[in-house]
Amino acid sequence: MSVIPPTVLKKLYVKGSLRPDDGGFAFDLKNLIAPATITELKGLDVDGEPVDGSSVTIVPPSGNSRPADRISPGRPLEFPVGVVVTLRVAADPLDPGHHDLALHVEIKEIGSLEIPISDAVS
């Protein structure tokens, strides 16, 4: 069980940012909790179905995109407070309407987290 309640983790998602993207979809996360070091992106579920982690790319404010499968304890991704990162997912585009996502990450400071995301694509 996560040491951070899901109601707090939900606040990491930038409401309204779930959108179509070239070759898939994208969404934004903003760290409002505490400095974090992401050591692994363990997975992404979209409407209950797993998405291949190799299809996820993280775009930090610097613009230096990084495939999620290249994040590791030896090559972590720093996620400071106040920073917005975009996750781009190369997958089938999302149909218009409501979607539930779950992002599974490993954080050096506290362990495994599941970030719940619930939003609509127009």
N, C-alpha and C. Protein backbone atom coordinates (compact mmCIF):
# COMPACT_ATOMS: atom_id res chain seq x y z
N MET A 1 0.85 -1.19 0.00
CA MET A 1 0.00 0.00 0.00
C MET A 1 0.89 1.25 0.00
N SER A 2 0.49 2.22 -0.74
CA SER A 2 1.25 3.46 -0.88
C SER A 2 1.17 4.28 0.41
N VAL A 3 2.29 4.97 0.70
CA VAL A 3 2.31 5.85 1.87
C VAL A 3 1.63 7.18 1.57
N ILE A 4 1.32 7.41 0.30
CA ILE A 4 0.62 8.63 -0.10
C ILE A 4 -0.78 8.22 -0.55
N PRO A 5 -1.81 8.79 0.05
CA PRO A 5 -3.18 8.41 -0.31
C PRO A 5 -3.50 8.72 -1.78
N PRO A 6 -4.35 7.89 -2.41
CA PRO A 6 -4.74 8.14 -3.80
C PRO A 6 -5.33 9.52 -4.04
N THR A 7 -6.02 10.07 -3.05
CA THR A 7 -6.60 11.40 -3.22
C THR A 7 -5.52 12.46 -3.40
N VAL A 8 -4.38 12.25 -2.76
CA VAL A 8 -3.25 13.18 -2.93
C VAL A 8 -2.55 12.90 -4.26
N LEU A 9 -2.36 11.63 -4.60
CA LEU A 9 -1.69 11.27 -5.86
C LEU A 9 -2.47 11.77 -7.08
N LYS A 10 -3.81 11.80 -6.97
CA LYS A 10 -4.64 12.31 -8.07
C LYS A 10 -4.28 13.75 -8.44
N LYS A 11 -3.80 14.50 -7.45
CA LYS A 11 -3.47 15.90 -7.68
C LYS A 11 -2.23 16.08 -8.55
N LEU A 12 -1.46 15.01 -8.77
CA LEU A 12 -0.30 15.09 -9.65
C LEU A 12 -0.72 15.27 -11.11
N TYR A 13 -1.89 14.74 -11.45
CA TYR A 13 -2.38 14.84 -12.82
C TYR A 13 -2.89 16.25 -13.09
N VAL A 14 -2.48 16.82 -14.20
CA VAL A 14 -2.95 18.15 -14.61
C VAL A 14 -4.31 17.95 -15.28
N LYS A 15 -5.36 18.30 -14.55
CA LYS A 15 -6.73 18.11 -15.03
C LYS A 15 -6.93 18.75 -16.39
N GLY A 16 -7.55 18.02 -17.30
CA GLY A 16 -7.82 18.52 -18.64
C GLY A 16 -6.68 18.33 -19.63
N SER A 17 -5.59 17.69 -19.20
CA SER A 17 -4.44 17.55 -20.10
C SER A 17 -4.46 16.28 -20.94
N LEU A 18 -5.39 15.37 -20.71
CA LEU A 18 -5.49 14.16 -21.53
C LEU A 18 -5.96 14.57 -22.91
N ARG A 19 -5.14 14.27 -23.92
CA ARG A 19 -5.42 14.78 -25.26
C ARG A 19 -4.85 13.86 -26.33
N PRO A 20 -5.41 13.96 -27.55
CA PRO A 20 -4.82 13.24 -28.67
C PRO A 20 -3.42 13.80 -28.95
N ASP A 21 -2.55 12.95 -29.45
CA ASP A 21 -1.19 13.34 -29.78
C ASP A 21 -0.80 12.55 -31.03
N ASP A 22 0.15 13.06 -31.78
CA ASP A 22 0.58 12.33 -32.98
C ASP A 22 0.90 10.88 -32.64
N GLY A 23 0.15 9.97 -33.22
CA GLY A 23 0.40 8.54 -33.01
C GLY A 23 -0.03 8.03 -31.66
N GLY A 24 -0.97 8.70 -31.01
CA GLY A 24 -1.46 8.21 -29.72
C GLY A 24 -2.12 9.28 -28.89
N PHE A 25 -1.67 9.42 -27.64
CA PHE A 25 -2.24 10.42 -26.75
C PHE A 25 -1.16 10.88 -25.77
N ALA A 26 -1.48 11.95 -25.03
CA ALA A 26 -0.54 12.52 -24.08
C ALA A 26 -1.30 13.05 -22.87
N PHE A 27 -0.57 13.24 -21.78
CA PHE A 27 -1.11 13.88 -20.59
C PHE A 27 0.04 14.45 -19.78
N ASP A 28 -0.30 15.35 -18.86
CA ASP A 28 0.72 16.04 -18.07
C ASP A 28 0.59 15.70 -16.59
N LEU A 29 1.74 15.69 -15.93
CA LEU A 29 1.81 15.54 -14.49
C LEU A 29 2.59 16.72 -13.93
N LYS A 30 2.14 17.24 -12.79
CA LYS A 30 2.85 18.32 -12.12
C LYS A 30 3.09 17.89 -10.67
N ASN A 31 4.35 17.93 -10.27
CA ASN A 31 4.70 17.52 -8.91
C ASN A 31 4.33 18.64 -7.93
N LEU A 32 3.37 18.36 -7.09
CA LEU A 32 2.93 19.30 -6.06
C LEU A 32 3.19 18.76 -4.66
N ILE A 33 3.89 17.63 -4.56
CA ILE A 33 4.00 16.95 -3.28
C ILE A 33 5.38 17.14 -2.63
N ALA A 34 6.41 16.60 -3.25
CA ALA A 34 7.77 16.67 -2.69
C ALA A 34 8.74 16.27 -3.80
N PRO A 35 9.99 16.69 -3.70
CA PRO A 35 10.97 16.26 -4.70
C PRO A 35 11.00 14.73 -4.78
N ALA A 36 11.08 14.22 -5.99
CA ALA A 36 11.05 12.77 -6.18
C ALA A 36 12.07 12.35 -7.23
N THR A 37 12.52 11.12 -7.10
CA THR A 37 13.43 10.53 -8.06
C THR A 37 12.76 9.29 -8.62
N ILE A 38 12.35 9.35 -9.87
CA ILE A 38 11.69 8.22 -10.51
C ILE A 38 12.77 7.26 -10.98
N THR A 39 12.72 6.01 -10.48
CA THR A 39 13.72 5.02 -10.86
C THR A 39 13.18 3.98 -11.84
N GLU A 40 11.85 3.98 -12.03
CA GLU A 40 11.26 3.04 -12.99
C GLU A 40 9.82 3.42 -13.27
N LEU A 41 9.45 3.36 -14.53
CA LEU A 41 8.05 3.44 -14.90
C LEU A 41 7.63 2.00 -15.12
N LYS A 42 6.85 1.48 -14.17
CA LYS A 42 6.50 0.07 -14.18
C LYS A 42 5.37 -0.27 -15.13
N GLY A 43 4.54 0.70 -15.48
CA GLY A 43 3.45 0.41 -16.38
C GLY A 43 2.41 1.51 -16.43
N LEU A 44 1.55 1.37 -17.39
CA LEU A 44 0.43 2.29 -17.58
C LEU A 44 -0.77 1.46 -17.99
N ASP A 45 -1.86 1.64 -17.27
CA ASP A 45 -3.12 0.98 -17.62
C ASP A 45 -4.07 2.04 -18.15
N VAL A 46 -4.74 1.72 -19.24
CA VAL A 46 -5.72 2.61 -19.83
C VAL A 46 -7.05 1.87 -19.89
N ASP A 47 -8.00 2.37 -19.14
CA ASP A 47 -9.32 1.73 -19.06
C ASP A 47 -9.19 0.25 -18.71
N GLY A 48 -8.27 -0.05 -17.79
CA GLY A 48 -8.09 -1.41 -17.30
C GLY A 48 -7.18 -2.28 -18.14
N GLU A 49 -6.71 -1.78 -19.26
CA GLU A 49 -5.85 -2.56 -20.15
C GLU A 49 -4.41 -2.04 -20.07
N PRO A 50 -3.44 -2.95 -19.91
CA PRO A 50 -2.05 -2.49 -19.85
C PRO A 50 -1.56 -1.99 -21.21
N VAL A 51 -0.72 -0.95 -21.15
CA VAL A 51 -0.07 -0.39 -22.34
C VAL A 51 1.41 -0.74 -22.23
N ASP A 52 2.00 -1.16 -23.31
CA ASP A 52 3.42 -1.50 -23.31
C ASP A 52 4.25 -0.30 -22.87
N GLY A 53 5.05 -0.47 -21.82
CA GLY A 53 5.86 0.61 -21.28
C GLY A 53 6.83 1.20 -22.28
N SER A 54 7.23 0.41 -23.27
CA SER A 54 8.17 0.93 -24.27
C SER A 54 7.52 1.95 -25.19
N SER A 55 6.20 2.09 -25.11
CA SER A 55 5.50 3.06 -25.96
C SER A 55 5.35 4.42 -25.27
N VAL A 56 5.86 4.54 -24.03
CA VAL A 56 5.73 5.77 -23.26
C VAL A 56 7.03 6.56 -23.31
N THR A 57 6.91 7.85 -23.62
CA THR A 57 8.05 8.76 -23.61
C THR A 57 7.74 9.90 -22.65
N ILE A 58 8.72 10.26 -21.83
CA ILE A 58 8.55 11.35 -20.88
C ILE A 58 9.27 12.58 -21.42
N VAL A 59 8.56 13.69 -21.43
CA VAL A 59 9.12 14.95 -21.93
C VAL A 59 9.16 15.94 -20.76
N PRO A 60 10.35 16.17 -20.20
CA PRO A 60 10.48 17.16 -19.12
C PRO A 60 10.50 18.58 -19.69
N PRO A 61 10.49 19.60 -18.84
CA PRO A 61 10.49 20.98 -19.33
C PRO A 61 11.67 21.30 -20.25
N SER A 62 12.78 20.62 -20.09
CA SER A 62 13.95 20.86 -20.95
C SER A 62 13.68 20.46 -22.39
N GLY A 63 12.64 19.60 -22.58
CA GLY A 63 12.33 19.13 -23.92
C GLY A 63 13.12 17.92 -24.35
N ASN A 64 14.04 17.47 -23.52
CA ASN A 64 14.85 16.29 -23.84
C ASN A 64 14.04 15.03 -23.56
N SER A 65 13.32 14.56 -24.57
CA SER A 65 12.47 13.38 -24.42
C SER A 65 13.28 12.17 -23.99
N ARG A 66 12.63 11.33 -23.18
CA ARG A 66 13.30 10.13 -22.70
C ARG A 66 12.32 8.97 -22.68
N PRO A 67 12.63 7.90 -23.43
CA PRO A 67 11.75 6.73 -23.37
C PRO A 67 11.68 6.20 -21.94
N ALA A 68 10.48 5.86 -21.51
CA ALA A 68 10.28 5.41 -20.14
C ALA A 68 11.09 4.17 -19.82
N ASP A 69 11.33 3.31 -20.80
CA ASP A 69 12.09 2.10 -20.52
C ASP A 69 13.60 2.37 -20.36
N ARG A 70 13.99 3.63 -20.50
CA ARG A 70 15.39 4.01 -20.25
C ARG A 70 15.57 4.71 -18.91
N ILE A 71 14.53 4.66 -18.10
CA ILE A 71 14.63 5.17 -16.73
C ILE A 71 14.93 3.96 -15.85
N SER A 72 15.94 4.08 -15.02
CA SER A 72 16.36 2.98 -14.16
C SER A 72 17.02 3.55 -12.91
N PRO A 73 17.30 2.71 -11.92
CA PRO A 73 18.02 3.22 -10.75
C PRO A 73 19.36 3.87 -11.13
N GLY A 74 19.99 3.37 -12.17
CA GLY A 74 21.26 3.95 -12.62
C GLY A 74 21.08 5.19 -13.48
N ARG A 75 19.88 5.37 -14.04
CA ARG A 75 19.56 6.55 -14.86
C ARG A 75 18.18 7.07 -14.47
N PRO A 76 18.05 7.56 -13.24
CA PRO A 76 16.74 8.02 -12.77
C PRO A 76 16.32 9.33 -13.41
N LEU A 77 15.07 9.66 -13.20
CA LEU A 77 14.52 10.94 -13.66
C LEU A 77 14.14 11.76 -12.44
N GLU A 78 14.79 12.90 -12.29
CA GLU A 78 14.46 13.80 -11.17
C GLU A 78 13.13 14.48 -11.48
N PHE A 79 12.28 14.59 -10.47
CA PHE A 79 10.96 15.20 -10.63
C PHE A 79 10.77 16.21 -9.49
N PRO A 80 11.37 17.41 -9.63
CA PRO A 80 11.28 18.42 -8.56
C PRO A 80 9.86 18.97 -8.40
N VAL A 81 9.61 19.56 -7.25
CA VAL A 81 8.32 20.21 -6.98
C VAL A 81 8.13 21.36 -7.97
N GLY A 82 6.91 21.48 -8.49
CA GLY A 82 6.55 22.56 -9.40
C GLY A 82 6.81 22.28 -10.86
N VAL A 83 7.46 21.16 -11.15
CA VAL A 83 7.80 20.83 -12.53
C VAL A 83 6.66 20.05 -13.19
N VAL A 84 6.39 20.39 -14.45
CA VAL A 84 5.40 19.68 -15.25
C VAL A 84 6.13 18.82 -16.28
N VAL A 85 5.77 17.54 -16.33
CA VAL A 85 6.29 16.66 -17.37
C VAL A 85 5.12 16.16 -18.20
N THR A 86 5.39 15.92 -19.47
CA THR A 86 4.40 15.37 -20.38
C THR A 86 4.73 13.92 -20.65
N LEU A 87 3.73 13.06 -20.59
CA LEU A 87 3.90 11.67 -20.98
C LEU A 87 3.20 11.48 -22.31
N ARG A 88 3.96 11.08 -23.30
CA ARG A 88 3.42 10.81 -24.63
C ARG A 88 3.36 9.30 -24.81
N VAL A 89 2.22 8.81 -25.26
CA VAL A 89 2.00 7.38 -25.39
C VAL A 89 1.72 7.05 -26.85
N ALA A 90 2.60 6.23 -27.43
CA ALA A 90 2.41 5.76 -28.80
C ALA A 90 1.49 4.55 -28.73
N ALA A 91 0.23 4.78 -29.00
CA ALA A 91 -0.79 3.73 -28.92
C ALA A 91 -1.98 4.15 -29.77
N ASP A 92 -2.99 3.31 -29.78
CA ASP A 92 -4.21 3.70 -30.47
C ASP A 92 -4.74 4.98 -29.84
N PRO A 93 -5.22 5.91 -30.65
CA PRO A 93 -5.79 7.14 -30.08
C PRO A 93 -6.96 6.80 -29.17
N LEU A 94 -7.15 7.61 -28.15
CA LEU A 94 -8.28 7.40 -27.25
C LEU A 94 -9.56 7.93 -27.89
N ASP A 95 -10.62 7.18 -27.76
CA ASP A 95 -11.92 7.64 -28.24
C ASP A 95 -12.37 8.82 -27.40
N PRO A 96 -13.18 9.70 -27.97
CA PRO A 96 -13.74 10.79 -27.16
C PRO A 96 -14.53 10.20 -26.00
N GLY A 97 -14.51 10.92 -24.89
CA GLY A 97 -15.23 10.47 -23.71
C GLY A 97 -14.31 10.25 -22.53
N HIS A 98 -14.88 9.65 -21.48
CA HIS A 98 -14.18 9.46 -20.21
C HIS A 98 -13.22 8.28 -20.27
N HIS A 99 -12.05 8.45 -19.61
CA HIS A 99 -11.05 7.38 -19.52
C HIS A 99 -10.43 7.37 -18.14
N ASP A 100 -10.11 6.16 -17.67
CA ASP A 100 -9.41 5.98 -16.39
C ASP A 100 -8.06 5.36 -16.68
N LEU A 101 -7.01 6.01 -16.17
CA LEU A 101 -5.66 5.54 -16.35
C LEU A 101 -5.03 5.31 -14.99
N ALA A 102 -4.02 4.47 -14.95
CA ALA A 102 -3.24 4.25 -13.73
C ALA A 102 -1.78 4.16 -14.15
N LEU A 103 -0.98 5.06 -13.63
CA LEU A 103 0.45 5.09 -13.92
C LEU A 103 1.18 4.48 -12.74
N HIS A 104 1.99 3.45 -13.01
CA HIS A 104 2.71 2.74 -11.96
C HIS A 104 4.18 3.12 -12.04
N VAL A 105 4.68 3.73 -10.97
CA VAL A 105 6.07 4.18 -10.94
C VAL A 105 6.75 3.73 -9.66
N GLU A 106 8.06 3.64 -9.74
CA GLU A 106 8.90 3.36 -8.57
C GLU A 106 9.64 4.65 -8.24
N ILE A 107 9.50 5.09 -7.00
CA ILE A 107 10.11 6.33 -6.53
C ILE A 107 11.18 5.96 -5.50
N LYS A 108 12.38 6.45 -5.71
CA LYS A 108 13.51 6.12 -4.83
C LYS A 108 13.19 6.41 -3.37
N GLU A 109 12.57 7.54 -3.11
CA GLU A 109 12.36 7.99 -1.75
C GLU A 109 11.29 7.20 -0.98
N ILE A 110 10.30 6.61 -1.69
CA ILE A 110 9.20 5.97 -0.96
C ILE A 110 8.74 4.63 -1.51
N GLY A 111 9.19 4.24 -2.68
CA GLY A 111 8.79 2.94 -3.22
C GLY A 111 7.77 3.07 -4.34
N SER A 112 6.92 2.06 -4.47
CA SER A 112 5.96 1.98 -5.57
C SER A 112 4.75 2.89 -5.34
N LEU A 113 4.34 3.54 -6.42
CA LEU A 113 3.14 4.39 -6.40
C LEU A 113 2.27 4.06 -7.60
N GLU A 114 0.98 4.19 -7.41
CA GLU A 114 0.02 4.12 -8.50
C GLU A 114 -0.69 5.46 -8.55
N ILE A 115 -0.48 6.18 -9.65
CA ILE A 115 -1.08 7.50 -9.82
C ILE A 115 -2.37 7.34 -10.62
N PRO A 116 -3.52 7.58 -9.99
CA PRO A 116 -4.80 7.46 -10.68
C PRO A 116 -5.09 8.71 -11.51
N ILE A 117 -5.58 8.48 -12.71
CA ILE A 117 -5.92 9.56 -13.63
C ILE A 117 -7.32 9.29 -14.17
N SER A 118 -8.17 10.28 -14.10
CA SER A 118 -9.52 10.15 -14.61
C SER A 118 -9.89 11.44 -15.31
N ASP A 119 -10.17 11.35 -16.61
CA ASP A 119 -10.44 12.56 -17.38
C ASP A 119 -11.16 12.16 -18.66
N ALA A 120 -11.54 13.17 -19.41
CA ALA A 120 -12.24 12.94 -20.67
C ALA A 120 -11.46 13.55 -21.82
N VAL A 121 -11.56 12.91 -22.96
CA VAL A 121 -11.02 13.43 -24.21
C VAL A 121 -12.20 13.95 -25.00
N SER A 122 -12.07 15.16 -25.52
CA SER A 122 -13.21 15.70 -26.29
C SER A 122 -13.00 15.51 -27.77
